[in-house]
Structures are given as C-alpha cells and as structure tokens.
PDB file of all heavy atoms in Angstrom:
ATOM      1  N   GLU A   1       0.839  -1.205  -0.020  1.00  0.00           N
ATOM      2  CA  GLU A   1      -0.002  -0.019   0.026  1.00  0.00           C
ATOM      3  C   GLU A   1       0.847   1.287   0.002  1.00  0.00           C
ATOM      4  O   GLU A   1       0.568   2.192  -0.657  1.00  0.00           O
ATOM      5  CB  GLU A   1      -0.905   0.065   1.226  1.00  0.00           C
ATOM      6  CG  GLU A   1      -1.914  -1.130   1.269  1.00  0.00           C
ATOM      7  CD  GLU A   1      -1.339  -2.388   1.893  1.00  0.00           C
ATOM      8  OE1 GLU A   1      -0.350  -2.304   2.667  1.00  0.00           O
ATOM      9  OE2 GLU A   1      -1.796  -3.496   1.581  1.00  0.00           O
ATOM     10  N   GLN A   2       1.976   1.204   0.715  1.00  0.00           N
ATOM     11  CA  GLN A   2       2.847   2.356   0.803  1.00  0.00           C
ATOM     12  C   GLN A   2       3.559   2.576  -0.496  1.00  0.00           C
ATOM     13  O   GLN A   2       3.732   3.734  -0.942  1.00  0.00           O
ATOM     14  CB  GLN A   2       3.862   2.194   1.966  1.00  0.00           C
ATOM     15  CG  GLN A   2       4.671   3.340   2.233  1.00  0.00           C
ATOM     16  CD  GLN A   2       5.543   3.185   3.451  1.00  0.00           C
ATOM     17  OE1 GLN A   2       5.616   2.103   3.998  1.00  0.00           O
ATOM     18  NE2 GLN A   2       6.263   4.207   3.859  1.00  0.00           N
ATOM     19  N   ILE A   3       3.961   1.532  -1.208  1.00  0.00           N
ATOM     20  CA  ILE A   3       4.593   1.637  -2.543  1.00  0.00           C
ATOM     21  C   ILE A   3       3.548   2.205  -3.501  1.00  0.00           C
ATOM     22  O   ILE A   3       3.870   3.145  -4.281  1.00  0.00           O
ATOM     23  CB  ILE A   3       5.055   0.201  -3.016  1.00  0.00           C
ATOM     24  CG1 ILE A   3       6.185  -0.215  -2.154  1.00  0.00           C
ATOM     25  CG2 ILE A   3       5.478   0.277  -4.491  1.00  0.00           C
ATOM     26  CD1 ILE A   3       6.646  -1.645  -2.411  1.00  0.00           C
ATOM     27  N   GLU A   4       2.275   1.748  -3.512  1.00  0.00           N
ATOM     28  CA  GLU A   4       1.282   2.229  -4.393  1.00  0.00           C
ATOM     29  C   GLU A   4       1.000   3.759  -4.179  1.00  0.00           C
ATOM     30  O   GLU A   4       0.836   4.522  -5.107  1.00  0.00           O
ATOM     31  CB  GLU A   4       0.026   1.368  -4.340  1.00  0.00           C
ATOM     32  CG  GLU A   4       0.167   0.033  -4.932  1.00  0.00           C
ATOM     33  CD  GLU A   4      -1.031  -0.835  -4.726  1.00  0.00           C
ATOM     34  OE1 GLU A   4      -2.011  -0.389  -4.058  1.00  0.00           O
ATOM     35  OE2 GLU A   4      -1.030  -1.992  -5.179  1.00  0.00           O
ATOM     36  N   LYS A   5       0.939   4.075  -2.863  1.00  0.00           N
ATOM     37  CA  LYS A   5       0.639   5.456  -2.539  1.00  0.00           C
ATOM     38  C   LYS A   5       1.768   6.366  -3.102  1.00  0.00           C
ATOM     39  O   LYS A   5       1.577   7.446  -3.672  1.00  0.00           O
ATOM     40  CB  LYS A   5       0.544   5.605  -1.054  1.00  0.00           C
ATOM     41  CG  LYS A   5       0.304   7.044  -0.540  1.00  0.00           C
ATOM     42  CD  LYS A   5       0.189   7.109   0.895  1.00  0.00           C
ATOM     43  CE  LYS A   5       0.074   8.547   1.338  1.00  0.00           C
ATOM     44  NZ  LYS A   5       0.352   8.686   2.779  1.00  0.00           N
ATOM     45  N   GLY A   6       3.008   5.972  -2.842  1.00  0.00           N
ATOM     46  CA  GLY A   6       4.186   6.735  -3.344  1.00  0.00           C
ATOM     47  C   GLY A   6       4.175   6.828  -4.895  1.00  0.00           C
ATOM     48  O   GLY A   6       4.499   7.865  -5.425  1.00  0.00           O
ATOM     49  N   TYR A   7       3.773   5.724  -5.488  1.00  0.00           N
ATOM     50  CA  TYR A   7       3.733   5.715  -6.963  1.00  0.00           C
ATOM     51  C   TYR A   7       2.752   6.722  -7.505  1.00  0.00           C
ATOM     52  O   TYR A   7       3.024   7.474  -8.410  1.00  0.00           O
ATOM     53  CB  TYR A   7       3.409   4.336  -7.479  1.00  0.00           C
ATOM     54  CG  TYR A   7       3.137   4.222  -8.983  1.00  0.00           C
ATOM     55  CD1 TYR A   7       4.225   4.272  -9.851  1.00  0.00           C
ATOM     56  CD2 TYR A   7       1.885   4.265  -9.522  1.00  0.00           C
ATOM     57  CE1 TYR A   7       3.949   4.261 -11.241  1.00  0.00           C
ATOM     58  CE2 TYR A   7       1.631   4.203 -10.818  1.00  0.00           C
ATOM     59  CZ  TYR A   7       2.684   4.182 -11.651  1.00  0.00           C
ATOM     60  OH  TYR A   7       2.395   4.160 -13.098  1.00  0.00           O
ATOM     61  N   PHE A   8       1.570   6.752  -6.868  1.00  0.00           N
ATOM     62  CA  PHE A   8       0.503   7.682  -7.353  1.00  0.00           C
ATOM     63  C   PHE A   8       0.886   9.132  -7.083  1.00  0.00           C
ATOM     64  O   PHE A   8       0.541  10.014  -7.837  1.00  0.00           O
ATOM     65  CB  PHE A   8      -0.814   7.336  -6.800  1.00  0.00           C
ATOM     66  CG  PHE A   8      -1.365   6.057  -7.355  1.00  0.00           C
ATOM     67  CD1 PHE A   8      -1.665   4.950  -6.596  1.00  0.00           C
ATOM     68  CD2 PHE A   8      -1.648   5.959  -8.695  1.00  0.00           C
ATOM     69  CE1 PHE A   8      -2.145   3.773  -7.124  1.00  0.00           C
ATOM     70  CE2 PHE A   8      -2.131   4.801  -9.273  1.00  0.00           C
ATOM     71  CZ  PHE A   8      -2.392   3.696  -8.486  1.00  0.00           C
ATOM     72  N   GLU A   9       1.607   9.377  -5.976  1.00  0.00           N
ATOM     73  CA  GLU A   9       2.010  10.748  -5.660  1.00  0.00           C
ATOM     74  C   GLU A   9       3.053  11.168  -6.673  1.00  0.00           C
ATOM     75  O   GLU A   9       3.026  12.368  -7.127  1.00  0.00           O
ATOM     76  CB  GLU A   9       2.612  10.781  -4.253  1.00  0.00           C
ATOM     77  CG  GLU A   9       1.575  10.679  -3.177  1.00  0.00           C
ATOM     78  CD  GLU A   9       2.218  10.719  -1.786  1.00  0.00           C
ATOM     79  OE1 GLU A   9       3.490  10.817  -1.663  1.00  0.00           O
ATOM     80  OE2 GLU A   9       1.469  10.498  -0.814  1.00  0.00           O
ATOM     81  N   ILE A  10       3.971  10.287  -7.048  1.00  0.00           N
ATOM     82  CA  ILE A  10       4.999  10.707  -8.047  1.00  0.00           C
ATOM     83  C   ILE A  10       4.295  10.910  -9.352  1.00  0.00           C
ATOM     84  O   ILE A  10       4.669  11.858 -10.121  1.00  0.00           O
ATOM     85  CB  ILE A  10       6.038   9.579  -8.135  1.00  0.00           C
ATOM     86  CG1 ILE A  10       6.876   9.569  -6.844  1.00  0.00           C
ATOM     87  CG2 ILE A  10       6.977   9.737  -9.346  1.00  0.00           C
ATOM     88  CD1 ILE A  10       7.859   8.444  -6.770  1.00  0.00           C
ATOM     89  N   ARG A  11       3.362  10.013  -9.717  1.00  0.00           N
ATOM     90  CA  ARG A  11       2.628  10.201 -11.031  1.00  0.00           C
ATOM     91  C   ARG A  11       1.948  11.551 -11.103  1.00  0.00           C
ATOM     92  O   ARG A  11       1.925  12.245 -12.145  1.00  0.00           O
ATOM     93  CB  ARG A  11       1.586   9.130 -11.150  1.00  0.00           C
ATOM     94  CG  ARG A  11       1.732   8.005 -12.093  1.00  0.00           C
ATOM     95  CD  ARG A  11       2.673   8.123 -13.231  1.00  0.00           C
ATOM     96  NE  ARG A  11       1.907   8.483 -14.430  1.00  0.00           N
ATOM     97  CZ  ARG A  11       2.508   9.033 -15.498  1.00  0.00           C
ATOM     98  NH1 ARG A  11       3.754   9.251 -15.477  1.00  0.00           N
ATOM     99  NH2 ARG A  11       1.768   9.311 -16.538  1.00  0.00           N
ATOM    100  N   LYS A  12       1.336  11.910  -9.922  1.00  0.00           N
ATOM    101  CA  LYS A  12       0.597  13.196  -9.946  1.00  0.00           C
ATOM    102  C   LYS A  12       1.563  14.412 -10.171  1.00  0.00           C
ATOM    103  O   LYS A  12       1.227  15.337 -10.864  1.00  0.00           O
ATOM    104  CB  LYS A  12      -0.068  13.338  -8.579  1.00  0.00           C
ATOM    105  CG  LYS A  12      -0.921  14.556  -8.358  1.00  0.00           C
ATOM    106  CD  LYS A  12      -1.590  14.516  -6.981  1.00  0.00           C
ATOM    107  CE  LYS A  12      -2.040  15.827  -6.581  1.00  0.00           C
ATOM    108  NZ  LYS A  12      -2.581  15.834  -5.236  1.00  0.00           N
ATOM    109  N   VAL A  13       2.713  14.344  -9.517  1.00  0.00           N
ATOM    110  CA  VAL A  13       3.716  15.421  -9.676  1.00  0.00           C
ATOM    111  C   VAL A  13       4.245  15.438 -11.096  1.00  0.00           C
ATOM    112  O   VAL A  13       4.394  16.532 -11.735  1.00  0.00           O
ATOM    113  CB  VAL A  13       4.881  15.242  -8.715  1.00  0.00           C
ATOM    114  CG1 VAL A  13       6.036  16.227  -9.005  1.00  0.00           C
ATOM    115  CG2 VAL A  13       4.400  15.488  -7.237  1.00  0.00           C
ATOM    116  N   GLN A  14       4.486  14.241 -11.688  1.00  0.00           N
ATOM    117  CA  GLN A  14       4.939  14.178 -13.066  1.00  0.00           C
ATOM    118  C   GLN A  14       3.916  14.771 -14.036  1.00  0.00           C
ATOM    119  O   GLN A  14       4.270  15.548 -14.943  1.00  0.00           O
ATOM    120  CB  GLN A  14       5.221  12.768 -13.490  1.00  0.00           C
ATOM    121  CG  GLN A  14       6.535  12.210 -12.873  1.00  0.00           C
ATOM    122  CD  GLN A  14       6.695  10.699 -13.304  1.00  0.00           C
ATOM    123  OE1 GLN A  14       5.757  10.024 -13.642  1.00  0.00           O
ATOM    124  NE2 GLN A  14       7.940  10.251 -13.152  1.00  0.00           N
ATOM    125  N   GLU A  15       2.710  14.468 -13.855  1.00  0.00           N
ATOM    126  CA  GLU A  15       1.622  15.015 -14.707  1.00  0.00           C
ATOM    127  C   GLU A  15       1.564  16.501 -14.571  1.00  0.00           C
ATOM    128  O   GLU A  15       1.359  17.237 -15.562  1.00  0.00           O
ATOM    129  CB  GLU A  15       0.274  14.364 -14.329  1.00  0.00           C
ATOM    130  CG  GLU A  15       0.176  12.935 -14.825  1.00  0.00           C
ATOM    131  CD  GLU A  15      -1.154  12.316 -14.250  1.00  0.00           C
ATOM    132  OE1 GLU A  15      -1.972  12.950 -13.650  1.00  0.00           O
ATOM    133  OE2 GLU A  15      -1.275  11.114 -14.526  1.00  0.00           O
ATOM    134  N   HIS A  16       1.716  17.060 -13.353  1.00  0.00           N
ATOM    135  CA  HIS A  16       1.693  18.522 -13.178  1.00  0.00           C
ATOM    136  C   HIS A  16       2.789  19.157 -13.973  1.00  0.00           C
ATOM    137  O   HIS A  16       2.592  20.199 -14.531  1.00  0.00           O
ATOM    138  CB  HIS A  16       1.814  18.807 -11.705  1.00  0.00           C
ATOM    139  CG  HIS A  16       2.062  20.268 -11.405  1.00  0.00           C
ATOM    140  ND1 HIS A  16       0.981  21.167 -11.543  1.00  0.00           N
ATOM    141  CD2 HIS A  16       3.096  20.995 -11.007  1.00  0.00           C
ATOM    142  CE1 HIS A  16       1.472  22.379 -11.253  1.00  0.00           C
ATOM    143  NE2 HIS A  16       2.756  22.269 -10.933  1.00  0.00           N
ATOM    144  N   PHE A  17       3.993  18.606 -13.909  1.00  0.00           N
ATOM    145  CA  PHE A  17       5.214  19.255 -14.568  1.00  0.00           C
ATOM    146  C   PHE A  17       5.185  19.000 -16.036  1.00  0.00           C
ATOM    147  O   PHE A  17       5.859  19.693 -16.766  1.00  0.00           O
ATOM    148  CB  PHE A  17       6.496  18.744 -13.951  1.00  0.00           C
ATOM    149  CG  PHE A  17       6.851  19.449 -12.657  1.00  0.00           C
ATOM    150  CD1 PHE A  17       6.522  18.895 -11.408  1.00  0.00           C
ATOM    151  CD2 PHE A  17       7.378  20.736 -12.671  1.00  0.00           C
ATOM    152  CE1 PHE A  17       6.796  19.605 -10.259  1.00  0.00           C
ATOM    153  CE2 PHE A  17       7.657  21.414 -11.534  1.00  0.00           C
ATOM    154  CZ  PHE A  17       7.396  20.841 -10.343  1.00  0.00           C
ATOM    155  N   GLN A  18       4.467  17.968 -16.592  1.00  0.00           N
ATOM    156  CA  GLN A  18       4.457  17.675 -18.002  1.00  0.00           C
ATOM    157  C   GLN A  18       3.245  18.242 -18.767  1.00  0.00           C
ATOM    158  O   GLN A  18       3.137  18.055 -19.969  1.00  0.00           O
ATOM    159  CB  GLN A  18       4.500  16.106 -18.186  1.00  0.00           C
ATOM    160  CG  GLN A  18       5.815  15.596 -17.754  1.00  0.00           C
ATOM    161  CD  GLN A  18       5.847  14.075 -17.866  1.00  0.00           C
ATOM    162  OE1 GLN A  18       4.856  13.395 -18.127  1.00  0.00           O
ATOM    163  NE2 GLN A  18       7.001  13.451 -17.561  1.00  0.00           N
ATOM    164  N   LYS A  19       2.399  19.037 -18.065  1.00  0.00           N
ATOM    165  CA  LYS A  19       1.259  19.659 -18.716  1.00  0.00           C
ATOM    166  C   LYS A  19       1.795  20.589 -19.734  1.00  0.00           C
ATOM    167  O   LYS A  19       2.789  21.312 -19.628  1.00  0.00           O
ATOM    168  CB  LYS A  19       0.475  20.511 -17.687  1.00  0.00           C
ATOM    169  CG  LYS A  19      -0.661  19.789 -17.076  1.00  0.00           C
ATOM    170  CD  LYS A  19      -1.559  20.773 -16.347  1.00  0.00           C
ATOM    171  CE  LYS A  19      -0.911  21.374 -15.157  1.00  0.00           C
ATOM    172  NZ  LYS A  19      -1.767  22.108 -14.254  1.00  0.00           N
ATOM    173  N   LYS A  20       1.045  20.662 -20.894  1.00  0.00           N
ATOM    174  CA  LYS A  20       1.404  21.547 -21.980  1.00  0.00           C
ATOM    175  C   LYS A  20       0.692  22.883 -21.780  1.00  0.00           C
ATOM    176  O   LYS A  20      -0.406  23.081 -22.306  1.00  0.00           O
ATOM    177  CB  LYS A  20       0.929  20.894 -23.370  1.00  0.00           C
ATOM    178  CG  LYS A  20       1.599  19.582 -23.660  1.00  0.00           C
ATOM    179  CD  LYS A  20       2.676  19.754 -24.617  1.00  0.00           C
ATOM    180  CE  LYS A  20       3.182  18.352 -25.012  1.00  0.00           C
ATOM    181  NZ  LYS A  20       4.556  18.294 -25.197  1.00  0.00           N
ATOM    182  N   ASP A  21       1.252  23.749 -20.976  1.00  0.00           N
ATOM    183  CA  ASP A  21       0.635  25.044 -20.690  1.00  0.00           C
ATOM    184  C   ASP A  21       1.531  26.222 -21.115  1.00  0.00           C
ATOM    185  O   ASP A  21       1.202  27.322 -20.838  1.00  0.00           O
ATOM    186  CB  ASP A  21       0.269  25.174 -19.208  1.00  0.00           C
ATOM    187  CG  ASP A  21       1.415  25.007 -18.299  1.00  0.00           C
ATOM    188  OD1 ASP A  21       2.554  24.738 -18.802  1.00  0.00           O
ATOM    189  OD2 ASP A  21       1.248  25.081 -17.062  1.00  0.00           O
ATOM    190  N   GLY A  22       2.581  25.931 -21.784  1.00  0.00           N
ATOM    191  CA  GLY A  22       3.438  26.932 -22.317  1.00  0.00           C
ATOM    192  C   GLY A  22       4.451  27.465 -21.404  1.00  0.00           C
ATOM    193  O   GLY A  22       5.288  28.306 -21.754  1.00  0.00           O
ATOM    194  N   LYS A  23       4.443  27.088 -20.082  1.00  0.00           N
ATOM    195  CA  LYS A  23       5.386  27.505 -19.125  1.00  0.00           C
ATOM    196  C   LYS A  23       6.640  26.629 -19.179  1.00  0.00           C
ATOM    197  O   LYS A  23       6.528  25.426 -19.370  1.00  0.00           O
ATOM    198  CB  LYS A  23       4.829  27.462 -17.726  1.00  0.00           C
ATOM    199  CG  LYS A  23       3.814  28.494 -17.397  1.00  0.00           C
ATOM    200  CD  LYS A  23       3.401  28.366 -15.923  1.00  0.00           C
ATOM    201  CE  LYS A  23       2.334  29.229 -15.492  1.00  0.00           C
ATOM    202  NZ  LYS A  23       1.984  29.007 -14.097  1.00  0.00           N
ATOM    203  N   PRO A  24       7.836  27.180 -18.936  1.00  0.00           N
ATOM    204  CA  PRO A  24       8.987  26.346 -18.790  1.00  0.00           C
ATOM    205  C   PRO A  24       8.893  25.591 -17.485  1.00  0.00           C
ATOM    206  O   PRO A  24       8.257  25.985 -16.526  1.00  0.00           O
ATOM    207  CB  PRO A  24      10.164  27.323 -18.781  1.00  0.00           C
ATOM    208  CG  PRO A  24       9.564  28.644 -18.573  1.00  0.00           C
ATOM    209  CD  PRO A  24       8.145  28.609 -18.928  1.00  0.00           C
ATOM    210  N   VAL A  25       9.602  24.463 -17.444  1.00  0.00           N
ATOM    211  CA  VAL A  25       9.457  23.548 -16.296  1.00  0.00           C
ATOM    212  C   VAL A  25       9.956  24.203 -14.965  1.00  0.00           C
ATOM    213  O   VAL A  25       9.441  23.914 -13.873  1.00  0.00           O
ATOM    214  CB  VAL A  25      10.218  22.218 -16.499  1.00  0.00           C
ATOM    215  CG1 VAL A  25      11.728  22.383 -16.514  1.00  0.00           C
ATOM    216  CG2 VAL A  25       9.808  21.187 -15.550  1.00  0.00           C
ATOM    217  N   PHE A  26      10.877  25.176 -15.033  1.00  0.00           N
ATOM    218  CA  PHE A  26      11.434  25.726 -13.877  1.00  0.00           C
ATOM    219  C   PHE A  26      10.445  26.800 -13.272  1.00  0.00           C
ATOM    220  O   PHE A  26      10.669  27.335 -12.210  1.00  0.00           O
ATOM    221  CB  PHE A  26      12.834  26.394 -14.051  1.00  0.00           C
ATOM    222  CG  PHE A  26      12.845  27.336 -15.246  1.00  0.00           C
ATOM    223  CD1 PHE A  26      12.554  28.641 -15.089  1.00  0.00           C
ATOM    224  CD2 PHE A  26      13.316  26.860 -16.473  1.00  0.00           C
ATOM    225  CE1 PHE A  26      12.659  29.510 -16.148  1.00  0.00           C
ATOM    226  CE2 PHE A  26      13.412  27.721 -17.519  1.00  0.00           C
ATOM    227  CZ  PHE A  26      13.132  29.042 -17.345  1.00  0.00           C
ATOM    228  N   LEU A  27       9.333  27.103 -13.952  1.00  0.00           N
ATOM    229  CA  LEU A  27       8.325  27.970 -13.364  1.00  0.00           C
ATOM    230  C   LEU A  27       6.982  27.369 -13.052  1.00  0.00           C
ATOM    231  O   LEU A  27       6.088  27.958 -12.562  1.00  0.00           O
ATOM    232  CB  LEU A  27       8.017  29.123 -14.422  1.00  0.00           C
ATOM    233  CG  LEU A  27       9.107  30.123 -14.757  1.00  0.00           C
ATOM    234  CD1 LEU A  27       8.691  31.058 -15.825  1.00  0.00           C
ATOM    235  CD2 LEU A  27       9.526  30.812 -13.455  1.00  0.00           C
ATOM    236  N   LYS A  28       6.977  26.015 -13.170  1.00  0.00           N
ATOM    237  CA  LYS A  28       5.741  25.290 -12.891  1.00  0.00           C
ATOM    238  C   LYS A  28       5.545  24.920 -11.510  1.00  0.00           C
ATOM    239  O   LYS A  28       4.466  24.497 -11.081  1.00  0.00           O
ATOM    240  CB  LYS A  28       5.658  23.960 -13.767  1.00  0.00           C
ATOM    241  CG  LYS A  28       5.459  24.248 -15.164  1.00  0.00           C
ATOM    242  CD  LYS A  28       5.248  23.005 -15.982  1.00  0.00           C
ATOM    243  CE  LYS A  28       5.044  23.286 -17.428  1.00  0.00           C
ATOM    244  NZ  LYS A  28       4.716  22.087 -18.192  1.00  0.00           N
ATOM    245  N   GLY A  29       6.536  25.101 -10.648  1.00  0.00           N
ATOM    246  CA  GLY A  29       6.497  24.691  -9.222  1.00  0.00           C
ATOM    247  C   GLY A  29       5.460  25.411  -8.410  1.00  0.00           C
ATOM    248  O   GLY A  29       4.319  24.910  -8.020  1.00  0.00           O
ATOM    249  N   SER A  30       5.772  26.696  -8.134  1.00  0.00           N
ATOM    250  CA  SER A  30       4.841  27.470  -7.314  1.00  0.00           C
ATOM    251  C   SER A  30       5.174  28.980  -7.558  1.00  0.00           C
ATOM    252  O   SER A  30       6.020  29.277  -8.320  1.00  0.00           O
ATOM    253  CB  SER A  30       5.017  27.142  -5.826  1.00  0.00           C
ATOM    254  OG  SER A  30       6.262  27.502  -5.392  1.00  0.00           O
ATOM    255  N   ALA A  31       4.563  29.822  -6.745  1.00  0.00           N
ATOM    256  CA  ALA A  31       4.815  31.252  -6.827  1.00  0.00           C
ATOM    257  C   ALA A  31       6.280  31.573  -6.411  1.00  0.00           C
ATOM    258  O   ALA A  31       6.832  32.523  -6.877  1.00  0.00           O
ATOM    259  CB  ALA A  31       3.874  32.028  -5.957  1.00  0.00           C
TER     260      ALA A  31
END
C-alpha cells in the first residue's frame, strides 16, 4: 500500500510538470 501510494504521488507530480501550458518547467512549481 505504501509503494502504491508513493507511486501515485509521483505520477501526480509528473503530470503537473508535464502539462502543456506553455510555461518552462522551472516556473511550474509554485509562486
């Protein structure tokens, strides 16, 4: 369960940074 939880958290972060929104990756984190 802990492995699956970690996997889904990593997947969520990867999807956030790989979105095609025109921003460079170094600006996608936060304010």
